[in-house]
Amino acid sequence: MKDSPIKILLLESSEERNSFLSQMLNEKGYQTETTGKIEQAIEKILNQAFNLVICENKVNEYTGFEVFKKLREYLRNSGIPFFLVLDSFENEDMLIGLEMGIDNFIVTP
């Protein structure tokens, strides 16, 4: 029996970054879906089995922390980890995020 690929939901505003990150993850064997809308993300989380959500620190008018607050209940009910992409390593942001329940951070180079 073949293992099913890991499904990742990407929440980002930038179509260019979506294409790059999605392409990179797909090349590594991950299955990705992208959205820039929180309502669509909730619908996808409720109707599909994702292994991970990766969120840009800014999704349209929302910060990554605000996105997490809106998705937290759905993520917990589904047992899906949430990774937040940050533009720089800021201890204060990471501490706030960890206290909120964000599972991990990705810091862009």
PDB file of N, CA and C in Angstrom:
ATOM      1  N   MET A   1       0.837  -1.189   0.000  1.00  0.00           N
ATOM      2  CA  MET A   1       0.000   0.000   0.000  1.00  0.00           C
ATOM      3  C   MET A   1       0.879   1.248   0.000  1.00  0.00           C
ATOM      4  N   LYS A   2       0.610   2.148  -0.901  1.00  0.00           N
ATOM      5  CA  LYS A   2       1.394   3.379  -1.018  1.00  0.00           C
ATOM      6  C   LYS A   2       0.903   4.395   0.003  1.00  0.00           C
ATOM      7  N   ASP A   3       1.854   5.050   0.675  1.00  0.00           N
ATOM      8  CA  ASP A   3       1.492   6.108   1.619  1.00  0.00           C
ATOM      9  C   ASP A   3       0.926   7.295   0.861  1.00  0.00           C
ATOM     10  N   SER A   4      -0.116   7.895   1.410  1.00  0.00           N
ATOM     11  CA  SER A   4      -0.675   9.083   0.769  1.00  0.00           C
ATOM     12  C   SER A   4       0.224  10.282   1.076  1.00  0.00           C
ATOM     13  N   PRO A   5       0.290  11.232   0.144  1.00  0.00           N
ATOM     14  CA  PRO A   5       1.165  12.390   0.365  1.00  0.00           C
ATOM     15  C   PRO A   5       0.648  13.260   1.504  1.00  0.00           C
ATOM     16  N   ILE A   6       1.568  13.973   2.110  1.00  0.00           N
ATOM     17  CA  ILE A   6       1.210  14.928   3.157  1.00  0.00           C
ATOM     18  C   ILE A   6       0.563  16.134   2.491  1.00  0.00           C
ATOM     19  N   LYS A   7      -0.626  16.513   2.983  1.00  0.00           N
ATOM     20  CA  LYS A   7      -1.369  17.649   2.432  1.00  0.00           C
ATOM     21  C   LYS A   7      -1.128  18.888   3.285  1.00  0.00           C
ATOM     22  N   ILE A   8      -0.747  19.966   2.617  1.00  0.00           N
ATOM     23  CA  ILE A   8      -0.456  21.225   3.291  1.00  0.00           C
ATOM     24  C   ILE A   8      -1.349  22.319   2.721  1.00  0.00           C
ATOM     25  N   LEU A   9      -1.987  23.065   3.613  1.00  0.00           N
ATOM     26  CA  LEU A   9      -2.772  24.234   3.223  1.00  0.00           C
ATOM     27  C   LEU A   9      -1.908  25.470   3.425  1.00  0.00           C
ATOM     28  N   LEU A  10      -1.706  26.227   2.346  1.00  0.00           N
ATOM     29  CA  LEU A  10      -0.909  27.456   2.405  1.00  0.00           C
ATOM     30  C   LEU A  10      -1.837  28.657   2.402  1.00  0.00           C
ATOM     31  N   LEU A  11      -1.665  29.539   3.388  1.00  0.00           N
ATOM     32  CA  LEU A  11      -2.436  30.782   3.448  1.00  0.00           C
ATOM     33  C   LEU A  11      -1.484  31.933   3.194  1.00  0.00           C
ATOM     34  N   GLU A  12      -1.637  32.559   2.025  1.00  0.00           N
ATOM     35  CA  GLU A  12      -0.752  33.645   1.643  1.00  0.00           C
ATOM     36  C   GLU A  12      -1.476  34.634   0.752  1.00  0.00           C
ATOM     37  N   SER A  13      -1.000  35.870   0.764  1.00  0.00           N
ATOM     38  CA  SER A  13      -1.576  36.912  -0.088  1.00  0.00           C
ATOM     39  C   SER A  13      -0.919  36.941  -1.456  1.00  0.00           C
ATOM     40  N   SER A  14       0.366  36.742  -1.479  1.00  0.00           N
ATOM     41  CA  SER A  14       1.151  36.917  -2.696  1.00  0.00           C
ATOM     42  C   SER A  14       1.058  35.702  -3.605  1.00  0.00           C
ATOM     43  N   GLU A  15       0.548  35.908  -4.798  1.00  0.00           N
ATOM     44  CA  GLU A  15       0.466  34.812  -5.763  1.00  0.00           C
ATOM     45  C   GLU A  15       1.860  34.321  -6.143  1.00  0.00           C
ATOM     46  N   GLU A  16       2.824  35.237  -6.227  1.00  0.00           N
ATOM     47  CA  GLU A  16       4.186  34.849  -6.593  1.00  0.00           C
ATOM     48  C   GLU A  16       4.778  33.927  -5.535  1.00  0.00           C
ATOM     49  N   ARG A  17       4.628  34.273  -4.271  1.00  0.00           N
ATOM     50  CA  ARG A  17       5.150  33.432  -3.197  1.00  0.00           C
ATOM     51  C   ARG A  17       4.378  32.115  -3.153  1.00  0.00           C
ATOM     52  N   ASN A  18       3.054  32.174  -3.367  1.00  0.00           N
ATOM     53  CA  ASN A  18       2.260  30.949  -3.426  1.00  0.00           C
ATOM     54  C   ASN A  18       2.853  30.001  -4.450  1.00  0.00           C
ATOM     55  N   SER A  19       3.125  30.512  -5.633  1.00  0.00           N
ATOM     56  CA  SER A  19       3.648  29.674  -6.697  1.00  0.00           C
ATOM     57  C   SER A  19       4.987  29.080  -6.294  1.00  0.00           C
ATOM     58  N   PHE A  20       5.885  29.894  -5.748  1.00  0.00           N
ATOM     59  CA  PHE A  20       7.217  29.415  -5.376  1.00  0.00           C
ATOM     60  C   PHE A  20       7.146  28.380  -4.261  1.00  0.00           C
ATOM     61  N   LEU A  21       6.456  28.701  -3.170  1.00  0.00           N
ATOM     62  CA  LEU A  21       6.390  27.787  -2.032  1.00  0.00           C
ATOM     63  C   LEU A  21       5.629  26.522  -2.406  1.00  0.00           C
ATOM     64  N   SER A  22       4.534  26.666  -3.091  1.00  0.00           N
ATOM     65  CA  SER A  22       3.747  25.518  -3.514  1.00  0.00           C
ATOM     66  C   SER A  22       4.559  24.621  -4.440  1.00  0.00           C
ATOM     67  N   GLN A  23       5.236  25.221  -5.398  1.00  0.00           N
ATOM     68  CA  GLN A  23       6.065  24.458  -6.335  1.00  0.00           C
ATOM     69  C   GLN A  23       7.182  23.718  -5.598  1.00  0.00           C
ATOM     70  N   MET A  24       7.850  24.411  -4.679  1.00  0.00           N
ATOM     71  CA  MET A  24       8.937  23.796  -3.927  1.00  0.00           C
ATOM     72  C   MET A  24       8.435  22.596  -3.119  1.00  0.00           C
ATOM     73  N   LEU A  25       7.307  22.771  -2.432  1.00  0.00           N
ATOM     74  CA  LEU A  25       6.759  21.678  -1.623  1.00  0.00           C
ATOM     75  C   LEU A  25       6.275  20.527  -2.497  1.00  0.00           C
ATOM     76  N   ASN A  26       5.657  20.852  -3.633  1.00  0.00           N
ATOM     77  CA  ASN A  26       5.202  19.810  -4.553  1.00  0.00           C
ATOM     78  C   ASN A  26       6.374  18.997  -5.097  1.00  0.00           C
ATOM     79  N   GLU A  27       7.481  19.669  -5.384  1.00  0.00           N
ATOM     80  CA  GLU A  27       8.669  18.964  -5.871  1.00  0.00           C
ATOM     81  C   GLU A  27       9.225  18.006  -4.823  1.00  0.00           C
ATOM     82  N   LYS A  28       8.992  18.307  -3.563  1.00  0.00           N
ATOM     83  CA  LYS A  28       9.460  17.438  -2.471  1.00  0.00           C
ATOM     84  C   LYS A  28       8.454  16.335  -2.140  1.00  0.00           C
ATOM     85  N   GLY A  29       7.348  16.291  -2.886  1.00  0.00           N
ATOM     86  CA  GLY A  29       6.378  15.219  -2.703  1.00  0.00           C
ATOM     87  C   GLY A  29       5.175  15.559  -1.846  1.00  0.00           C
ATOM     88  N   TYR A  30       5.050  16.826  -1.453  1.00  0.00           N
ATOM     89  CA  TYR A  30       3.899  17.252  -0.661  1.00  0.00           C
ATOM     90  C   TYR A  30       2.773  17.683  -1.601  1.00  0.00           C
ATOM     91  N   GLN A  31       1.556  17.523  -1.168  1.00  0.00           N
ATOM     92  CA  GLN A  31       0.393  18.002  -1.921  1.00  0.00           C
ATOM     93  C   GLN A  31      -0.045  19.304  -1.267  1.00  0.00           C
ATOM     94  N   THR A  32      -0.161  20.372  -2.049  1.00  0.00           N
ATOM     95  CA  THR A  32      -0.493  21.677  -1.477  1.00  0.00           C
ATOM     96  C   THR A  32      -1.751  22.257  -2.103  1.00  0.00           C
ATOM     97  N   GLU A  33      -2.429  23.046  -1.300  1.00  0.00           N
ATOM     98  CA  GLU A  33      -3.534  23.892  -1.758  1.00  0.00           C
ATOM     99  C   GLU A  33      -3.286  25.260  -1.162  1.00  0.00           C
ATOM    100  N   THR A  34      -3.615  26.303  -1.917  1.00  0.00           N
ATOM    101  CA  THR A  34      -3.386  27.659  -1.429  1.00  0.00           C
ATOM    102  C   THR A  34      -4.675  28.457  -1.417  1.00  0.00           C
ATOM    103  N   THR A  35      -4.717  29.409  -0.508  1.00  0.00           N
ATOM    104  CA  THR A  35      -5.818  30.365  -0.460  1.00  0.00           C
ATOM    105  C   THR A  35      -5.326  31.628   0.228  1.00  0.00           C
ATOM    106  N   GLY A  36      -5.977  32.714  -0.079  1.00  0.00           N
ATOM    107  CA  GLY A  36      -5.697  33.985   0.579  1.00  0.00           C
ATOM    108  C   GLY A  36      -6.898  34.478   1.357  1.00  0.00           C
ATOM    109  N   LYS A  37      -7.901  33.609   1.476  1.00  0.00           N
ATOM    110  CA  LYS A  37      -9.132  34.001   2.159  1.00  0.00           C
ATOM    111  C   LYS A  37      -9.388  33.083   3.355  1.00  0.00           C
ATOM    112  N   ILE A  38      -9.641  33.695   4.500  1.00  0.00           N
ATOM    113  CA  ILE A  38      -9.850  32.931   5.728  1.00  0.00           C
ATOM    114  C   ILE A  38     -11.092  32.055   5.620  1.00  0.00           C
ATOM    115  N   GLU A  39     -12.154  32.570   5.017  1.00  0.00           N
ATOM    116  CA  GLU A  39     -13.386  31.781   4.880  1.00  0.00           C
ATOM    117  C   GLU A  39     -13.139  30.520   4.072  1.00  0.00           C
ATOM    118  N   GLN A  40     -12.348  30.640   2.991  1.00  0.00           N
ATOM    119  CA  GLN A  40     -12.007  29.468   2.187  1.00  0.00           C
ATOM    120  C   GLN A  40     -11.140  28.499   2.983  1.00  0.00           C
ATOM    121  N   ALA A  41     -10.240  29.033   3.788  1.00  0.00           N
ATOM    122  CA  ALA A  41      -9.378  28.175   4.605  1.00  0.00           C
ATOM    123  C   ALA A  41     -10.216  27.363   5.580  1.00  0.00           C
ATOM    124  N   ILE A  42     -11.183  28.000   6.225  1.00  0.00           N
ATOM    125  CA  ILE A  42     -12.057  27.291   7.171  1.00  0.00           C
ATOM    126  C   ILE A  42     -12.821  26.191   6.436  1.00  0.00           C
ATOM    127  N   GLU A  43     -13.367  26.522   5.283  1.00  0.00           N
ATOM    128  CA  GLU A  43     -14.114  25.530   4.500  1.00  0.00           C
ATOM    129  C   GLU A  43     -13.222  24.348   4.120  1.00  0.00           C
ATOM    130  N   LYS A  44     -12.001  24.634   3.690  1.00  0.00           N
ATOM    131  CA  LYS A  44     -11.071  23.567   3.316  1.00  0.00           C
ATOM    132  C   LYS A  44     -10.707  22.706   4.525  1.00  0.00           C
ATOM    133  N   ILE A  45     -10.481  23.330   5.665  1.00  0.00           N
ATOM    134  CA  ILE A  45     -10.129  22.576   6.880  1.00  0.00           C
ATOM    135  C   ILE A  45     -11.276  21.666   7.295  1.00  0.00           C
ATOM    136  N   LEU A  46     -12.496  22.162   7.161  1.00  0.00           N
ATOM    137  CA  LEU A  46     -13.663  21.371   7.550  1.00  0.00           C
ATOM    138  C   LEU A  46     -13.957  20.230   6.585  1.00  0.00           C
ATOM    139  N   ASN A  47     -13.621  20.401   5.309  1.00  0.00           N
ATOM    140  CA  ASN A  47     -14.023  19.430   4.296  1.00  0.00           C
ATOM    141  C   ASN A  47     -12.904  18.557   3.748  1.00  0.00           C
ATOM    142  N   GLN A  48     -11.667  18.831   4.125  1.00  0.00           N
ATOM    143  CA  GLN A  48     -10.545  18.048   3.614  1.00  0.00           C
ATOM    144  C   GLN A  48      -9.612  17.695   4.760  1.00  0.00           C
ATOM    145  N   ALA A  49      -8.821  16.663   4.551  1.00  0.00           N
ATOM    146  CA  ALA A  49      -7.867  16.230   5.576  1.00  0.00           C
ATOM    147  C   ALA A  49      -6.496  16.824   5.271  1.00  0.00           C
ATOM    148  N   PHE A  50      -6.110  17.836   6.041  1.00  0.00           N
ATOM    149  CA  PHE A  50      -4.783  18.438   5.905  1.00  0.00           C
ATOM    150  C   PHE A  50      -3.904  17.977   7.054  1.00  0.00           C
ATOM    151  N   ASN A  51      -2.607  17.874   6.764  1.00  0.00           N
ATOM    152  CA  ASN A  51      -1.633  17.500   7.776  1.00  0.00           C
ATOM    153  C   ASN A  51      -0.978  18.715   8.414  1.00  0.00           C
ATOM    154  N   LEU A  52      -1.058  19.866   7.744  1.00  0.00           N
ATOM    155  CA  LEU A  52      -0.358  21.057   8.207  1.00  0.00           C
ATOM    156  C   LEU A  52      -0.958  22.285   7.531  1.00  0.00           C
ATOM    157  N   VAL A  53      -0.978  23.397   8.275  1.00  0.00           N
ATOM    158  CA  VAL A  53      -1.324  24.709   7.709  1.00  0.00           C
ATOM    159  C   VAL A  53      -0.095  25.595   7.871  1.00  0.00           C
ATOM    160  N   ILE A  54       0.332  26.203   6.764  1.00  0.00           N
ATOM    161  CA  ILE A  54       1.438  27.164   6.795  1.00  0.00           C
ATOM    162  C   ILE A  54       0.852  28.514   6.390  1.00  0.00           C
ATOM    163  N   CYS A  55       1.084  29.518   7.223  1.00  0.00           N
ATOM    164  CA  CYS A  55       0.483  30.829   7.009  1.00  0.00           C
ATOM    165  C   CYS A  55       1.554  31.912   6.959  1.00  0.00           C
ATOM    166  N   GLU A  56       1.465  32.748   5.934  1.00  0.00           N
ATOM    167  CA  GLU A  56       2.300  33.927   5.810  1.00  0.00           C
ATOM    168  C   GLU A  56       1.953  34.894   6.945  1.00  0.00           C
ATOM    169  N   ASN A  57       2.883  35.734   7.346  1.00  0.00           N
ATOM    170  CA  ASN A  57       2.630  36.649   8.454  1.00  0.00           C
ATOM    171  C   ASN A  57       1.631  37.749   8.096  1.00  0.00           C
ATOM    172  N   LYS A  58       1.367  37.931   6.839  1.00  0.00           N
ATOM    173  CA  LYS A  58       0.371  38.921   6.398  1.00  0.00           C
ATOM    174  C   LYS A  58      -0.475  38.280   5.307  1.00  0.00           C
ATOM    175  N   VAL A  59      -1.768  38.111   5.572  1.00  0.00           N
ATOM    176  CA  VAL A  59      -2.699  37.558   4.589  1.00  0.00           C
ATOM    177  C   VAL A  59      -3.762  38.618   4.354  1.00  0.00           C
ATOM    178  N   ASN A  60      -3.586  39.305   3.241  1.00  0.00           N
ATOM    179  CA  ASN A  60      -4.441  40.441   2.909  1.00  0.00           C
ATOM    180  C   ASN A  60      -4.429  41.438   4.055  1.00  0.00           C
ATOM    181  N   GLU A  61      -5.574  41.730   4.680  1.00  0.00           N
ATOM    182  CA  GLU A  61      -5.573  42.742   5.748  1.00  0.00           C
ATOM    183  C   GLU A  61      -5.295  42.166   7.133  1.00  0.00           C
ATOM    184  N   TYR A  62      -5.065  40.866   7.241  1.00  0.00           N
ATOM    185  CA  TYR A  62      -4.874  40.222   8.542  1.00  0.00           C
ATOM    186  C   TYR A  62      -3.408  39.868   8.798  1.00  0.00           C
ATOM    187  N   THR A  63      -3.002  39.984  10.052  1.00  0.00           N
ATOM    188  CA  THR A  63      -1.689  39.475  10.435  1.00  0.00           C
ATOM    189  C   THR A  63      -1.804  37.960  10.611  1.00  0.00           C
ATOM    190  N   GLY A  64      -0.671  37.284  10.630  1.00  0.00           N
ATOM    191  CA  GLY A  64      -0.680  35.844  10.853  1.00  0.00           C
ATOM    192  C   GLY A  64      -1.288  35.471  12.194  1.00  0.00           C
ATOM    193  N   PHE A  65      -1.103  36.323  13.197  1.00  0.00           N
ATOM    194  CA  PHE A  65      -1.675  36.069  14.516  1.00  0.00           C
ATOM    195  C   PHE A  65      -3.207  36.153  14.470  1.00  0.00           C
ATOM    196  N   GLU A  66      -3.724  37.136  13.722  1.00  0.00           N
ATOM    197  CA  GLU A  66      -5.173  37.268  13.576  1.00  0.00           C
ATOM    198  C   GLU A  66      -5.754  36.081  12.812  1.00  0.00           C
ATOM    199  N   VAL A  67      -5.035  35.629  11.792  1.00  0.00           N
ATOM    200  CA  VAL A  67      -5.480  34.452  11.039  1.00  0.00           C
ATOM    201  C   VAL A  67      -5.553  33.250  11.976  1.00  0.00           C
ATOM    202  N   PHE A  68      -4.515  33.072  12.798  1.00  0.00           N
ATOM    203  CA  PHE A  68      -4.512  31.940  13.718  1.00  0.00           C
ATOM    204  C   PHE A  68      -5.695  32.001  14.688  1.00  0.00           C
ATOM    205  N   LYS A  69      -5.974  33.194  15.212  1.00  0.00           N
ATOM    206  CA  LYS A  69      -7.111  33.338  16.129  1.00  0.00           C
ATOM    207  C   LYS A  69      -8.415  32.901  15.472  1.00  0.00           C
ATOM    208  N   LYS A  70      -8.581  33.248  14.192  1.00  0.00           N
ATOM    209  CA  LYS A  70      -9.806  32.895  13.481  1.00  0.00           C
ATOM    210  C   LYS A  70      -9.875  31.395  13.163  1.00  0.00           C
ATOM    211  N   LEU A  71      -8.718  30.758  12.996  1.00  0.00           N
ATOM    212  CA  LEU A  71      -8.681  29.337  12.623  1.00  0.00           C
ATOM    213  C   LEU A  71      -8.476  28.397  13.796  1.00  0.00           C
ATOM    214  N   ARG A  72      -8.059  28.925  14.937  1.00  0.00           N
ATOM    215  CA  ARG A  72      -7.646  28.099  16.080  1.00  0.00           C
ATOM    216  C   ARG A  72      -8.642  26.988  16.423  1.00  0.00           C
ATOM    217  N   GLU A  73      -9.905  27.320  16.549  1.00  0.00           N
ATOM    218  CA  GLU A  73     -10.924  26.333  16.924  1.00  0.00           C
ATOM    219  C   GLU A  73     -10.982  25.193  15.902  1.00  0.00           C
ATOM    220  N   TYR A  74     -10.962  25.540  14.618  1.00  0.00           N
ATOM    221  CA  TYR A  74     -11.049  24.537  13.559  1.00  0.00           C
ATOM    222  C   TYR A  74      -9.788  23.672  13.512  1.00  0.00           C
ATOM    223  N   LEU A  75      -8.639  24.299  13.737  1.00  0.00           N
ATOM    224  CA  LEU A  75      -7.379  23.556  13.742  1.00  0.00           C
ATOM    225  C   LEU A  75      -7.332  22.569  14.906  1.00  0.00           C
ATOM    226  N   ARG A  76      -7.721  23.030  16.085  1.00  0.00           N
ATOM    227  CA  ARG A  76      -7.716  22.149  17.260  1.00  0.00           C
ATOM    228  C   ARG A  76      -8.667  20.980  17.084  1.00  0.00           C
ATOM    229  N   ASN A  77      -9.883  21.250  16.576  1.00  0.00           N
ATOM    230  CA  ASN A  77     -10.859  20.184  16.376  1.00  0.00           C
ATOM    231  C   ASN A  77     -10.371  19.148  15.371  1.00  0.00           C
ATOM    232  N   SER A  78      -9.554  19.586  14.401  1.00  0.00           N
ATOM    233  CA  SER A  78      -9.047  18.687  13.371  1.00  0.00           C
ATOM    234  C   SER A  78      -7.656  18.145  13.705  1.00  0.00           C
ATOM    235  N   GLY A  79      -7.014  18.691  14.741  1.00  0.00           N
ATOM    236  CA  GLY A  79      -5.665  18.247  15.111  1.00  0.00           C
ATOM    237  C   GLY A  79      -4.603  18.632  14.098  1.00  0.00           C
ATOM    238  N   ILE A  80      -4.790  19.783  13.453  1.00  0.00           N
ATOM    239  CA  ILE A  80      -3.857  20.228  12.413  1.00  0.00           C
ATOM    240  C   ILE A  80      -2.884  21.256  13.000  1.00  0.00           C
ATOM    241  N   PRO A  81      -1.564  21.020  12.869  1.00  0.00           N
ATOM    242  CA  PRO A  81      -0.600  22.015  13.334  1.00  0.00           C
ATOM    243  C   PRO A  81      -0.581  23.251  12.425  1.00  0.00           C
ATOM    244  N   PHE A  82      -0.210  24.381  13.028  1.00  0.00           N
ATOM    245  CA  PHE A  82      -0.186  25.679  12.352  1.00  0.00           C
ATOM    246  C   PHE A  82       1.220  26.246  12.447  1.00  0.00           C
ATOM    247  N   PHE A  83       1.852  26.489  11.298  1.00  0.00           N
ATOM    248  CA  PHE A  83       3.166  27.116  11.235  1.00  0.00           C
ATOM    249  C   PHE A  83       2.998  28.516  10.685  1.00  0.00           C
ATOM    250  N   LEU A  84       3.644  29.476  11.313  1.00  0.00           N
ATOM    251  CA  LEU A  84       3.578  30.873  10.884  1.00  0.00           C
ATOM    252  C   LEU A  84       4.917  31.278  10.283  1.00  0.00           C
ATOM    253  N   VAL A  85       4.870  31.857   9.087  1.00  0.00           N
ATOM    254  CA  VAL A  85       6.075  32.330   8.403  1.00  0.00           C
ATOM    255  C   VAL A  85       6.331  33.770   8.823  1.00  0.00           C
ATOM    256  N   LEU A  86       7.520  34.023   9.365  1.00  0.00           N
ATOM    257  CA  LEU A  86       7.911  35.371   9.793  1.00  0.00           C
ATOM    258  C   LEU A  86       9.038  35.880   8.908  1.00  0.00           C
ATOM    259  N   ASP A  87       9.075  37.187   8.689  1.00  0.00           N
ATOM    260  CA  ASP A  87      10.125  37.784   7.868  1.00  0.00           C
ATOM    261  C   ASP A  87      11.440  37.934   8.616  1.00  0.00           C
ATOM    262  N   SER A  88      11.383  37.961   9.937  1.00  0.00           N
ATOM    263  CA  SER A  88      12.612  38.082  10.725  1.00  0.00           C
ATOM    264  C   SER A  88      12.413  37.384  12.068  1.00  0.00           C
ATOM    265  N   PHE A  89      13.519  37.044  12.687  1.00  0.00           N
ATOM    266  CA  PHE A  89      13.493  36.365  13.974  1.00  0.00           C
ATOM    267  C   PHE A  89      13.282  37.406  15.069  1.00  0.00           C
ATOM    268  N   GLU A  90      12.090  37.401  15.636  1.00  0.00           N
ATOM    269  CA  GLU A  90      11.761  38.321  16.728  1.00  0.00           C
ATOM    270  C   GLU A  90      11.295  37.481  17.917  1.00  0.00           C
ATOM    271  N   ASN A  91      12.100  37.486  18.996  1.00  0.00           N
ATOM    272  CA  ASN A  91      11.746  36.693  20.175  1.00  0.00           C
ATOM    273  C   ASN A  91      10.354  37.011  20.703  1.00  0.00           C
ATOM    274  N   GLU A  92      10.009  38.291  20.748  1.00  0.00           N
ATOM    275  CA  GLU A  92       8.719  38.699  21.304  1.00  0.00           C
ATOM    276  C   GLU A  92       7.559  38.123  20.485  1.00  0.00           C
ATOM    277  N   ASP A  93       7.678  38.200  19.142  1.00  0.00           N
ATOM    278  CA  ASP A  93       6.625  37.641  18.286  1.00  0.00           C
ATOM    279  C   ASP A  93       6.487  36.143  18.504  1.00  0.00           C
ATOM    280  N   MET A  94       7.602  35.459  18.608  1.00  0.00           N
ATOM    281  CA  MET A  94       7.556  34.009  18.796  1.00  0.00           C
ATOM    282  C   MET A  94       6.964  33.636  20.153  1.00  0.00           C
ATOM    283  N   LEU A  95       7.313  34.367  21.187  1.00  0.00           N
ATOM    284  CA  LEU A  95       6.743  34.092  22.506  1.00  0.00           C
ATOM    285  C   LEU A  95       5.238  34.325  22.522  1.00  0.00           C
ATOM    286  N   ILE A  96       4.810  35.412  21.905  1.00  0.00           N
ATOM    287  CA  ILE A  96       3.372  35.691  21.819  1.00  0.00           C
ATOM    288  C   ILE A  96       2.675  34.556  21.065  1.00  0.00           C
ATOM    289  N   GLY A  97       3.254  34.156  19.944  1.00  0.00           N
ATOM    290  CA  GLY A  97       2.676  33.089  19.139  1.00  0.00           C
ATOM    291  C   GLY A  97       2.598  31.766  19.878  1.00  0.00           C
ATOM    292  N   LEU A  98       3.650  31.421  20.591  1.00  0.00           N
ATOM    293  CA  LEU A  98       3.651  30.164  21.352  1.00  0.00           C
ATOM    294  C   LEU A  98       2.602  30.199  22.458  1.00  0.00           C
ATOM    295  N   GLU A  99       2.465  31.350  23.120  1.00  0.00           N
ATOM    296  CA  GLU A  99       1.436  31.480  24.157  1.00  0.00           C
ATOM    297  C   GLU A  99       0.039  31.357  23.566  1.00  0.00           C
ATOM    298  N   MET A 100      -0.141  31.792  22.331  1.00  0.00           N
ATOM    299  CA  MET A 100      -1.440  31.689  21.663  1.00  0.00           C
ATOM    300  C   MET A 100      -1.756  30.257  21.260  1.00  0.00           C
ATOM    301  N   GLY A 101      -0.698  29.466  21.054  1.00  0.00           N
ATOM    302  CA  GLY A 101      -0.899  28.084  20.626  1.00  0.00           C
ATOM    303  C   GLY A 101      -0.360  27.767  19.251  1.00  0.00           C
ATOM    304  N   ILE A 102       0.339  28.707  18.625  1.00  0.00           N
ATOM    305  CA  ILE A 102       0.957  28.436  17.324  1.00  0.00           C
ATOM    306  C   ILE A 102       2.011  27.357  17.528  1.00  0.00           C
ATOM    307  N   ASP A 103       2.016  26.376  16.632  1.00  0.00           N
ATOM    308  CA  ASP A 103       2.874  25.205  16.815  1.00  0.00           C
ATOM    309  C   ASP A 103       4.337  25.453  16.484  1.00  0.00           C
ATOM    310  N   ASN A 104       4.615  26.245  15.447  1.00  0.00           N
ATOM    311  CA  ASN A 104       6.001  26.462  15.077  1.00  0.00           C
ATOM    312  C   ASN A 104       6.101  27.665  14.147  1.00  0.00           C
ATOM    313  N   PHE A 105       7.324  28.082  13.874  1.00  0.00           N
ATOM    314  CA  PHE A 105       7.588  29.250  13.042  1.00  0.00           C
ATOM    315  C   PHE A 105       8.603  28.900  11.972  1.00  0.00           C
ATOM    316  N   ILE A 106       8.447  29.542  10.833  1.00  0.00           N
ATOM    317  CA  ILE A 106       9.421  29.453   9.751  1.00  0.00           C
ATOM    318  C   ILE A 106       9.900  30.882   9.530  1.00  0.00           C
ATOM    319  N   VAL A 107      11.206  31.099   9.616  1.00  0.00           N
ATOM    320  CA  VAL A 107      11.765  32.433   9.415  1.00  0.00           C
ATOM    321  C   VAL A 107      12.409  32.454   8.038  1.00  0.00           C
ATOM    322  N   THR A 108      11.963  33.382   7.203  1.00  0.00           N
ATOM    323  CA  THR A 108      12.515  33.487   5.849  1.00  0.00           C
ATOM    324  C   THR A 108      13.914  34.066   5.905  1.00  0.00           C
ATOM    325  N   PRO A 109      14.775  33.621   4.978  1.00  0.00           N
ATOM    326  CA  PRO A 109      16.140  34.155   4.955  1.00  0.00           C
ATOM    327  C   PRO A 109      16.193  35.576   4.451  1.00  0.00           C
TER     328      PRO A 109
END
